[in-house]
Protein backbone atom coordinates (compact mmCIF):
# COMPACT_ATOMS: atom_id res chain seq x y z
CA MET A 1 34.63 110.83 49.45
CA ASN A 2 37.86 112.43 48.85
CA LYS A 3 38.43 115.87 50.55
CA LEU A 4 41.52 117.80 49.46
CA LEU A 5 43.85 119.39 52.03
CA THR A 6 45.92 122.52 51.50
CA LEU A 7 49.67 122.39 52.03
CA VAL A 8 51.14 124.54 54.74
CA LEU A 9 53.39 126.33 52.30
CA SER A 10 54.20 130.02 51.95
CA LEU A 11 56.70 132.51 50.56
CA CYS A 12 58.54 132.13 47.27
CA TRP A 13 61.53 133.33 45.29
CA ILE A 14 61.89 133.51 41.53
CA GLN A 15 64.25 131.42 39.46
CA HIS A 16 64.45 131.83 35.70
CA ALA A 17 64.41 128.55 33.81
CA ALA A 18 64.38 127.70 30.16
CA ALA A 19 62.58 125.14 28.00
CA GLN A 20 62.31 121.70 29.56
CA LEU A 21 62.87 121.11 33.25
CA ALA A 22 65.99 118.93 33.38
CA LYS A 23 66.61 118.61 37.08
CA ILE A 24 65.17 119.41 40.54
CA GLN A 25 67.70 119.44 43.36
CA VAL A 26 66.33 119.20 46.90
CA THR A 27 68.52 119.88 49.92
CA LEU A 28 67.45 118.55 53.33
CA ASP A 29 67.77 120.95 56.26
CA SER A 30 71.16 120.78 57.96
CA SER A 31 69.52 120.25 61.37
CA VAL A 32 68.69 116.63 60.46
CA THR A 33 71.26 114.37 62.10
CA GLN A 34 69.44 111.04 61.86
CA ALA A 35 69.18 109.38 58.44
CA LEU A 36 65.63 109.60 57.07
CA LYS A 37 63.68 107.35 54.73
CA GLY A 38 60.51 108.13 52.82
CA ARG A 39 59.00 109.45 49.61
CA LEU A 40 59.97 112.87 48.30
CA TYR A 41 57.15 114.55 46.35
CA ILE A 42 57.31 117.60 44.12
CA PHE A 43 53.94 119.31 43.66
CA SER A 44 53.29 122.22 41.29
CA THR A 45 50.76 124.74 40.14
CA THR A 46 50.45 127.06 37.17
CA ASP A 47 48.36 129.49 39.21
CA THR A 48 51.26 131.42 40.71
CA ALA A 49 48.95 133.74 42.63
CA LYS A 50 48.24 130.84 45.00
CA THR A 51 50.36 128.55 47.15
CA VAL A 52 50.99 125.01 45.99
CA GLN A 53 48.25 122.66 47.14
CA ASP A 54 47.43 118.97 47.10
CA PRO A 55 46.84 117.81 43.51
CA ASP A 56 43.48 118.61 42.00
CA PRO A 57 42.11 115.10 41.24
CA PHE A 58 40.18 116.42 38.25
CA ASN A 59 42.90 118.58 36.71
CA PRO A 60 46.26 117.81 38.32
CA SER A 61 49.31 119.94 37.71
CA PRO A 62 52.59 118.07 37.06
CA LEU A 63 53.72 115.84 39.94
CA PHE A 64 56.97 114.00 40.55
CA TYR A 65 58.47 111.79 43.24
CA ILE A 66 61.42 109.63 44.20
CA ASP A 67 61.86 107.21 47.09
CA VAL A 68 64.72 108.19 49.39
CA ASP A 69 66.76 106.28 51.95
CA ASN A 70 69.57 107.29 54.34
CA TRP A 71 69.07 111.03 53.80
CA LEU A 72 71.02 113.25 56.15
CA GLY A 73 70.90 117.00 56.68
CA GLY A 74 72.77 119.03 54.08
CA GLN A 75 72.63 116.28 51.48
CA VAL A 76 71.01 116.75 48.08
CA ARG A 77 68.60 114.42 46.34
CA VAL A 78 67.97 114.89 42.64
CA LEU A 79 64.86 114.34 40.53
CA ASP A 80 65.56 114.12 36.81
CA PRO A 81 63.34 113.22 33.82
CA SER A 82 63.51 109.54 34.81
CA ALA A 83 61.59 110.25 38.04
CA PRO A 84 57.99 108.93 38.16
CA ALA A 85 55.74 111.71 36.87
CA TYR A 86 52.06 112.46 36.37
CA PRO A 87 50.48 113.46 34.03
CA VAL A 88 53.66 114.50 32.12
CA ASN A 89 57.37 114.23 32.82
CA MET A 90 59.80 117.11 33.25
CA LEU A 91 60.74 117.29 29.58
CA GLU A 92 57.10 117.68 28.57
CA LEU A 93 56.23 120.74 30.64
CA LYS A 94 54.67 123.55 28.67
CA PRO A 95 56.40 126.94 28.71
CA GLY A 96 54.98 129.30 31.32
CA HIS A 97 55.06 130.28 34.97
CA TYR A 98 54.99 127.61 37.68
CA LYS A 99 55.35 127.21 41.39
CA PHE A 100 56.97 124.07 42.81
CA ALA A 101 57.10 122.77 46.38
CA ALA A 102 58.58 119.67 47.98
CA VAL A 103 57.02 117.41 50.62
CA PHE A 104 58.97 114.59 52.26
CA ASP A 105 56.67 111.90 53.67
CA ILE A 106 58.50 109.96 56.38
CA ASP A 107 55.44 108.68 58.23
CA THR A 108 54.55 105.01 57.77
CA ILE A 109 51.28 105.00 59.72
CA GLU A 110 49.20 108.01 58.70
CA ARG A 111 47.89 108.31 55.15
CA ASN A 112 48.06 112.06 54.58
CA ASN A 113 51.55 113.15 53.56
CA THR A 114 50.74 116.88 53.49
CA ALA A 115 49.10 117.12 56.91
CA THR A 116 50.95 114.58 59.02
CA ALA A 117 53.01 116.04 61.83
CA GLY A 118 56.74 115.47 61.41
CA ASN A 119 56.80 115.39 57.62
CA TRP A 120 59.08 117.92 55.93
CA TYR A 121 58.08 120.54 53.36
CA SER A 122 59.57 123.50 51.52
CA ARG A 123 58.43 126.97 50.70
CA ASP A 124 57.19 127.55 47.17
CA VAL A 125 59.67 128.18 44.39
CA LYS A 126 58.44 130.28 41.48
CA VAL A 127 59.84 129.35 38.08
CA GLU A 128 59.41 130.62 34.55
CA ILE A 129 59.81 127.88 31.97
CA ARG A 130 61.02 129.44 28.72
CA GLN A 131 61.93 128.17 25.30
CA GLY A 132 65.64 127.42 25.22
CA SER A 133 68.06 125.17 27.04
CA PRO A 134 67.04 122.77 29.88
CA ALA A 135 66.88 124.23 33.39
CA GLU A 136 67.54 123.21 36.98
CA ILE A 137 65.67 124.17 40.16
CA GLN A 138 66.98 124.36 43.71
CA ILE A 139 64.57 123.62 46.59
CA LYS A 140 65.38 123.69 50.32
CA LEU A 141 63.45 121.27 52.49
CA ASN A 142 63.59 123.18 55.75
CA ARG A 143 60.15 123.18 57.38
CA ARG A 144 58.30 120.51 59.39
CA ILE A 145 54.58 120.10 59.75
CA PRO A 146 53.84 120.80 63.43
CA SER A 147 51.69 118.72 65.72
CA ARG A 148 48.16 120.00 65.90
CA ALA A 149 46.82 120.99 69.29
CA PHE A 150 43.27 120.12 70.31
CA ARG A 151 41.77 123.15 72.01
CA GLU A 152 39.53 122.08 74.83
CA SER A 153 36.92 124.29 76.45
CA GLU A 154 34.23 123.94 79.08
CA THR A 155 31.99 122.10 76.63
CA ILE A 156 34.49 120.58 74.16
CA LYS A 157 36.79 117.80 75.32
CA GLN A 158 39.26 115.48 73.65
CA VAL A 159 39.37 111.69 73.78
CA ASN A 160 42.67 109.95 73.08
CA LEU A 161 41.96 106.40 74.21
CA ARG A 162 44.41 103.57 73.66
CA SER A 163 42.60 100.66 72.04
CA GLU A 164 43.73 97.30 73.32
CA LEU A 165 41.94 95.60 70.42
CA VAL A 166 43.43 97.65 67.58
CA SER A 167 46.85 97.78 69.25
CA ALA A 168 46.92 93.98 69.49
CA PHE A 169 45.90 93.70 65.83
CA HIS A 170 48.70 95.97 64.58
CA LYS A 171 51.22 95.06 67.29
CA ARG A 172 51.74 98.74 68.07
CA ASP A 173 49.92 101.39 70.06
CA ALA A 174 46.71 102.60 68.42
CA PHE A 175 44.33 105.22 69.79
CA ILE A 176 40.67 106.04 69.33
CA LYS A 177 40.42 109.80 68.91
CA ALA A 178 37.29 111.89 69.28
CA GLY A 179 36.02 115.33 70.20
CA ILE A 180 33.26 115.45 72.82
CA VAL A 181 30.67 118.23 72.53
CA LEU A 182 28.72 118.73 75.74
CA PRO A 183 25.43 120.63 76.16
CA LYS A 184 25.82 124.20 77.32
CA ASN A 185 24.13 123.42 80.63
CA TYR A 186 26.03 120.17 81.24
CA TRP A 187 27.86 121.41 84.34
CA GLN A 188 24.80 123.01 85.94
CA ASP A 189 22.95 119.79 86.82
CA SER A 190 25.18 116.97 88.06
CA LEU A 191 22.34 114.43 88.00
CA LYS A 192 21.03 114.90 84.47
CA THR A 193 21.94 112.28 81.87
CA TYR A 194 21.87 112.69 78.10
CA PRO A 195 21.42 110.68 74.91
CA VAL A 196 24.65 110.33 72.96
CA VAL A 197 25.23 110.76 69.22
CA PHE A 198 28.35 109.30 67.59
CA ILE A 199 29.30 111.13 64.39
CA ILE A 200 31.62 109.67 61.75
CA PRO A 201 32.60 112.36 59.22
CA GLY A 202 33.59 111.84 55.61
CA TRP A 203 36.96 112.15 53.89
CA GLY A 204 39.25 114.66 55.61
CA GLY A 205 37.04 114.97 58.68
CA THR A 206 38.79 114.60 62.05
CA HIS A 207 37.98 115.06 65.73
CA TYR A 208 39.51 118.54 65.57
CA ASP A 209 36.39 119.59 63.66
CA ALA A 210 34.28 119.15 66.79
CA ALA A 211 35.08 122.76 67.71
CA ASN A 212 34.32 124.12 64.24
CA PRO A 213 31.11 126.24 64.08
CA ASN A 214 30.40 124.82 60.62
CA THR A 215 30.37 121.32 62.10
CA ALA A 216 27.91 122.41 64.77
CA LYS A 217 25.74 123.97 62.09
CA ARG A 218 25.78 120.94 59.78
CA TYR A 219 24.86 118.43 62.48
CA GLY A 220 22.69 120.73 64.60
CA PHE A 221 24.51 120.51 67.93
CA GLU A 222 22.35 123.24 69.40
CA TRP A 223 19.03 122.10 67.93
CA GLY A 224 16.45 119.75 69.35
CA LYS A 225 16.75 117.96 72.65
CA GLU A 226 20.03 118.21 74.52
CA LYS A 227 22.52 115.50 73.59
CA ILE A 228 26.18 114.68 73.98
CA TYR A 229 28.02 114.39 70.66
CA VAL A 230 31.07 112.22 70.07
CA TYR A 231 32.77 113.44 66.91
CA LEU A 232 35.03 110.60 65.80
CA ASN A 233 38.28 110.65 63.85
CA PRO A 234 38.21 107.93 61.13
CA GLU A 235 41.41 109.29 59.54
CA THR A 236 43.89 108.50 62.26
CA GLN A 237 46.44 105.63 62.20
CA THR A 238 45.19 104.30 58.90
CA ARG A 239 47.81 104.13 56.16
CA PHE A 240 45.39 102.81 53.56
CA GLY A 241 42.58 105.38 53.89
CA LEU A 242 39.62 105.93 56.18
CA HIS A 243 38.80 102.98 58.42
CA ALA A 244 35.29 104.42 59.02
CA PHE A 245 35.06 102.48 62.31
CA ILE A 246 34.21 99.18 60.67
CA ASP A 247 35.86 95.88 61.53
CA SER A 248 38.38 95.27 58.78
CA ARG A 249 40.74 92.41 58.02
CA VAL A 250 43.34 94.98 56.94
CA ASN A 251 42.72 98.04 59.13
CA GLY A 252 41.76 96.17 62.28
CA PRO A 253 38.72 95.87 64.59
CA TRP A 254 37.79 99.55 64.80
CA GLY A 255 34.05 98.83 65.08
CA LYS A 256 34.57 96.38 67.91
CA ALA A 257 36.84 98.87 69.61
CA LEU A 258 34.17 101.56 69.39
CA VAL A 259 31.53 99.28 70.91
CA HIS A 260 33.61 97.52 73.56
CA GLU A 261 36.16 100.18 74.47
CA LEU A 262 35.02 103.67 73.54
CA ILE A 263 31.39 103.36 74.62
CA PRO A 264 32.30 102.08 78.12
CA TYR A 265 34.84 104.90 78.40
CA ILE A 266 32.25 107.51 77.41
CA GLU A 267 29.72 106.07 79.87
CA LYS A 268 32.29 106.13 82.66
CA THR A 269 33.56 109.62 81.92
CA TYR A 270 30.42 111.55 80.94
CA ARG A 271 26.79 111.49 82.02
CA VAL A 272 25.30 109.66 79.07
CA LYS A 273 22.27 107.40 79.26
CA ARG A 274 23.46 103.80 79.39
CA ASP A 275 20.46 102.43 77.55
CA PRO A 276 21.51 101.52 73.94
CA ASN A 277 18.18 102.90 72.74
CA TYR A 278 19.55 106.36 73.55
CA ARG A 279 22.75 105.77 71.59
CA PHE A 280 22.67 107.04 67.99
CA LEU A 281 24.91 107.14 64.91
CA VAL A 282 25.22 109.86 62.24
CA GLY A 283 27.63 109.68 59.33
CA GLN A 284 28.46 111.46 56.08
CA SER A 285 29.97 109.87 52.94
CA SER A 286 32.53 107.25 54.04
CA GLY A 287 31.24 107.87 57.54
CA GLY A 288 27.72 107.27 56.24
CA TYR A 289 28.73 103.77 55.19
CA GLY A 290 30.42 103.32 58.58
CA VAL A 291 27.33 104.12 60.64
CA LEU A 292 25.11 101.86 58.54
CA TRP A 293 27.68 99.07 58.86
CA LEU A 294 27.79 99.54 62.66
CA GLN A 295 24.00 99.54 62.99
CA MET A 296 23.72 96.35 60.94
CA ASN A 297 26.61 94.54 62.64
CA TYR A 298 25.91 95.68 66.20
CA PRO A 299 22.13 96.19 66.03
CA ALA A 300 21.53 95.82 69.78
CA GLN A 301 24.13 98.48 70.63
CA PHE A 302 22.48 101.46 68.90
CA GLY A 303 19.03 102.99 68.79
CA GLY A 304 19.33 104.18 65.21
CA CYS A 305 21.64 105.37 62.46
CA TRP A 306 21.44 108.25 59.99
CA ALA A 307 23.59 107.40 56.99
CA VAL A 308 23.91 110.37 54.63
CA SER A 309 25.48 110.22 51.15
CA PRO A 310 27.12 106.91 52.11
CA ASP A 311 29.85 105.19 50.14
CA PRO A 312 28.43 102.29 48.08
CA VAL A 313 26.02 100.28 50.22
CA ASP A 314 25.27 97.78 47.45
CA PHE A 315 28.04 96.43 45.24
CA SER A 316 25.75 95.80 42.28
CA ASP A 317 26.28 99.54 41.72
CA PHE A 318 29.74 100.29 42.99
CA THR A 319 30.74 103.73 41.67
CA SER A 320 28.33 102.92 38.80
CA VAL A 321 29.83 99.43 38.22
CA ASP A 322 28.08 96.09 38.88
CA LEU A 323 30.90 94.13 40.49
CA TYR A 324 29.03 90.85 40.08
CA ARG A 325 28.61 91.10 36.35
CA LYS A 326 30.67 88.72 34.24
CA ASP A 327 33.74 90.23 32.53
CA VAL A 328 32.95 93.75 33.79
CA ASN A 329 35.76 96.32 33.64
CA ILE A 330 35.87 99.14 36.18
CA TYR A 331 37.43 101.61 33.72
CA TYR A 332 35.37 100.97 30.57
CA ASP A 333 31.70 100.39 29.88
CA GLN A 334 30.35 97.88 27.32
CA GLU A 335 30.95 100.35 24.52
CA GLY A 336 34.57 100.84 25.50
CA LYS A 337 34.05 104.34 26.87
CA GLU A 338 35.68 105.47 30.10
CA ARG A 339 33.26 105.41 33.01
CA PRO A 340 32.66 108.78 34.69
CA PHE A 341 33.54 109.12 38.35
CA PHE A 342 32.58 112.65 39.37
CA SER A 343 30.02 115.11 38.05
CA MET A 344 29.16 118.69 38.90
CA ASN A 345 25.95 120.27 37.67
CA GLY A 346 25.54 117.51 35.13
CA THR A 347 29.08 117.81 33.72
CA TYR A 348 31.51 114.89 34.07
CA LEU A 349 34.84 116.15 35.43
CA SER A 350 36.76 112.92 35.77
CA THR A 351 36.71 109.21 35.04
CA ILE A 352 37.34 106.22 37.28
CA LYS A 353 40.51 105.49 35.31
CA LYS A 354 42.01 108.95 35.70
CA PHE A 355 41.03 109.18 39.35
CA ALA A 356 42.38 105.73 40.26
CA GLN A 357 45.65 106.13 38.38
CA LEU A 358 46.34 109.50 39.99
CA GLU A 359 45.68 108.02 43.43
CA ASP A 360 47.94 105.09 42.60
CA PHE A 361 50.70 107.51 41.59
CA LEU A 362 50.40 109.39 44.89
CA GLY A 363 50.86 106.21 46.92
CA ASP A 364 48.93 104.75 49.83
CA GLY A 365 45.74 106.14 51.29
CA GLY A 366 43.55 107.04 48.32
CA GLN A 367 39.81 106.49 48.05
CA MET A 368 40.01 103.31 45.97
CA GLN A 369 42.60 101.75 48.24
CA SER A 370 40.48 102.67 51.25
CA PHE A 371 37.68 100.50 49.85
CA GLU A 372 40.12 97.64 49.35
CA ALA A 373 41.42 97.96 52.91
CA ALA A 374 37.97 98.31 54.44
CA PHE A 375 36.27 95.45 52.60
CA GLY A 376 39.00 93.09 51.48
CA LEU A 377 41.71 90.71 52.59
CA PRO A 378 45.40 91.50 53.17
CA ASP A 379 48.14 90.10 50.98
CA LYS A 380 51.25 88.43 52.38
CA LYS A 381 52.72 91.83 53.28
CA GLY A 382 49.56 93.01 55.04
CA ARG A 383 48.57 95.34 52.22
CA PRO A 384 45.03 95.32 50.84
CA ARG A 385 44.51 93.11 47.80
CA GLN A 386 43.54 95.20 44.80
CA LEU A 387 40.02 95.00 43.47
CA PHE A 388 41.20 95.83 39.98
CA ASP A 389 44.36 96.13 37.92
CA ARG A 390 45.37 99.80 37.95
CA GLN A 391 46.53 99.74 34.33
CA SER A 392 43.79 97.72 32.61
CA GLY A 393 40.84 98.13 34.98
CA LYS A 394 40.24 94.35 35.03
CA ILE A 395 38.33 93.33 38.16
CA SER A 396 39.39 90.37 40.29
CA LYS A 397 36.39 88.12 40.90
CA GLU A 398 38.27 86.49 43.77
CA VAL A 399 38.53 89.86 45.52
CA VAL A 400 34.88 90.66 44.78
CA LYS A 401 33.91 87.38 46.46
CA SER A 402 35.95 88.30 49.53
CA TRP A 403 34.06 91.59 49.80
CA GLU A 404 30.55 90.12 50.03
CA ALA A 405 30.24 90.45 53.82
CA TYR A 406 30.56 94.22 53.33
CA ASP A 407 27.89 94.47 50.62
CA LEU A 408 25.21 95.86 52.92
CA GLY A 409 22.44 95.20 50.42
CA LYS A 410 23.37 91.51 50.45
CA VAL A 411 23.69 91.54 54.25
CA LEU A 412 20.25 93.10 54.57
CA VAL A 413 18.63 90.26 52.66
CA LYS A 414 20.72 87.42 54.05
CA LYS A 415 20.85 88.43 57.71
CA PHE A 416 17.72 90.43 58.40
CA SER A 417 14.97 89.04 56.14
CA LYS A 418 14.04 86.68 59.00
CA SER A 419 15.21 88.94 61.82
CA LYS A 420 13.49 92.17 60.90
CA SER A 421 12.87 93.27 64.48
CA LEU A 422 16.61 93.73 65.06
CA ILE A 423 16.85 96.74 62.77
CA GLU A 424 13.33 97.86 61.88
CA GLY A 425 12.91 101.56 62.47
CA LYS A 426 16.63 102.00 63.17
CA ILE A 427 17.94 102.67 59.66
CA HIS A 428 17.64 106.15 58.14
CA LEU A 429 19.31 106.32 54.74
CA TYR A 430 19.56 109.46 52.62
CA ALA A 431 21.38 110.65 49.51
CA GLY A 432 21.05 113.57 47.15
CA ALA A 433 19.30 112.54 43.93
CA ASP A 434 22.17 114.28 42.10
CA ASP A 435 25.04 112.80 44.12
CA ASN A 436 28.35 113.80 42.52
CA PHE A 437 29.75 110.28 42.86
CA PHE A 438 26.49 108.56 41.80
CA LEU A 439 26.01 107.19 45.33
CA ASN A 440 22.27 107.74 45.05
CA ARG A 441 22.12 104.59 42.90
CA PRO A 442 23.25 102.03 45.51
CA VAL A 443 21.12 103.84 48.10
CA GLU A 444 18.10 103.40 45.85
CA ILE A 445 18.90 99.70 45.41
CA PHE A 446 19.19 99.25 49.19
CA ILE A 447 15.85 100.98 49.75
CA LYS A 448 14.17 98.74 47.18
CA LYS A 449 15.65 95.61 48.75
CA ALA A 450 14.33 96.66 52.15
CA ALA A 451 10.87 97.16 50.65
CA THR A 452 10.99 93.77 48.90
CA GLN A 453 11.94 92.08 52.18
CA GLN A 454 9.31 94.14 54.01
CA ILE A 455 11.93 95.57 56.35
CA LYS A 456 10.82 98.97 57.59
CA ILE A 457 13.49 101.62 57.11
CA SER A 458 13.45 105.34 56.39
CA GLY A 459 15.12 106.00 53.06
CA GLU A 460 14.89 108.81 50.55
CA LEU A 461 16.68 110.42 47.64
CA ILE A 462 16.54 114.17 48.19
CA LYS A 463 15.64 115.97 44.96
CA GLY A 464 17.97 118.75 43.84
CA ALA A 465 20.67 117.79 46.35
CA ASN A 466 24.19 116.54 45.66
CA HIS A 467 26.80 114.81 47.82
CA TRP A 468 27.30 117.87 50.03
CA SER A 469 24.36 120.23 49.47
CA ILE A 470 22.02 117.64 50.99
CA TRP A 471 23.03 119.21 54.28
CA ASN A 472 21.04 122.41 54.74
CA GLU A 473 19.07 123.84 57.64
CA GLY A 474 15.93 121.97 56.70
CA PHE A 475 17.63 118.61 56.36
CA THR A 476 19.63 119.08 59.58
CA LYS A 477 16.46 119.89 61.51
CA ARG A 478 14.81 116.83 59.98
CA VAL A 479 17.62 114.57 61.20
CA GLN A 480 17.49 116.15 64.65
CA GLN A 481 13.73 115.72 64.82
CA GLU A 482 13.98 112.07 63.81
CA ILE A 483 16.55 111.47 66.55
CA ASP A 484 14.38 113.33 69.06
CA ASP A 485 11.41 111.16 68.10
CA CYS A 486 13.43 108.15 69.27
CA ILE A 487 14.07 109.73 72.66
CA ARG A 488 11.27 108.92 75.09
């Protein structure tokens, strides 16, 4: 699910303001000589001891934006109380101390406006809002997010492979990106071959994480039998959210590209075993859905998948909503109460309505839109058709119908009830019994459907674990052991 990223913002100066905030003036750096187009965001925080960060989805500080065209260096763009705002407009700010920062998203391909190289940002501006006359703030947009370097080593390598399939779909260059983690002794024996594990991380995870010690710890790179790990980037070149390496009618054929382009490249470049039975999939959250989808849609290509805390695998319980129920509303239950979306230690911190409307305010690339892009059809402009109306929460039954091929519980029954041998023993499905996004419920439904159809899978709800805490040393070793048991 959604993982928040911190803005690369620092430094501040103090401006004294009074009462309502009447105007924010943003000046683009004078070095810009080519007219720019994009969305100008103003983020804020009331915790002035910290730098401004991406909005907290459960308790967002005031946010504003305007769409900008033909902006040249030295020119000023103004946000006034008419600018789109969430959750309150400029005239409704409470007195107190704030920090504000600007981000100018000019990228039309990547989803993350605060981490995409080339986007502009400002340093923080500290403001005191006092009772009195309206105030104005001056912000200078004079920093650019730099490109991120992938640091290779003897055992960590980068893949940046142009995909003919995805490029043809989008009519522009598209690349499969991954970090390769080799065994420590890989270069000592030129004849030894290794099983390969493809990992699809959850929200915010990228191939750069392949070199992170915490990644190695979570997935157990140094435990069990020696393997080559391919740590995939599901975030890249996807305006509408994670593509999770599934074949999508909006995002493109990322699953097909993995199978028919990346795997041959890996086999040609590194000493991996070419038997599909030694090819495994591990995924977390959105990546958990992705690996289960791949195993079920390309069953002969992989020896097994380990789907952990996956996004909804059965749409009869989609973020706690039965999408097939007549007249169901995604925002409100039968009693008219807002449906919870996220819980922590038994306390509900947000609702589907609040979460979805904040994402809608922030533009493309949120969690809900990622579902629509992954599972649904494009509209006439190539954008994903919305599952539900963002104001009322009313669900489109036409869109639900178009999603059915991605309801893995339905696929399990329809496709594999008479073809059990294709996937038996290959599916390993786990979720924390206390999953923060209630994803344990569709996992439980999937497990029960497999049992009813007498399809042998390994599935379990881990007691006392949530969406993230399911990963601990014991669970990691269990996953590694189960993979090792498949290696003959």
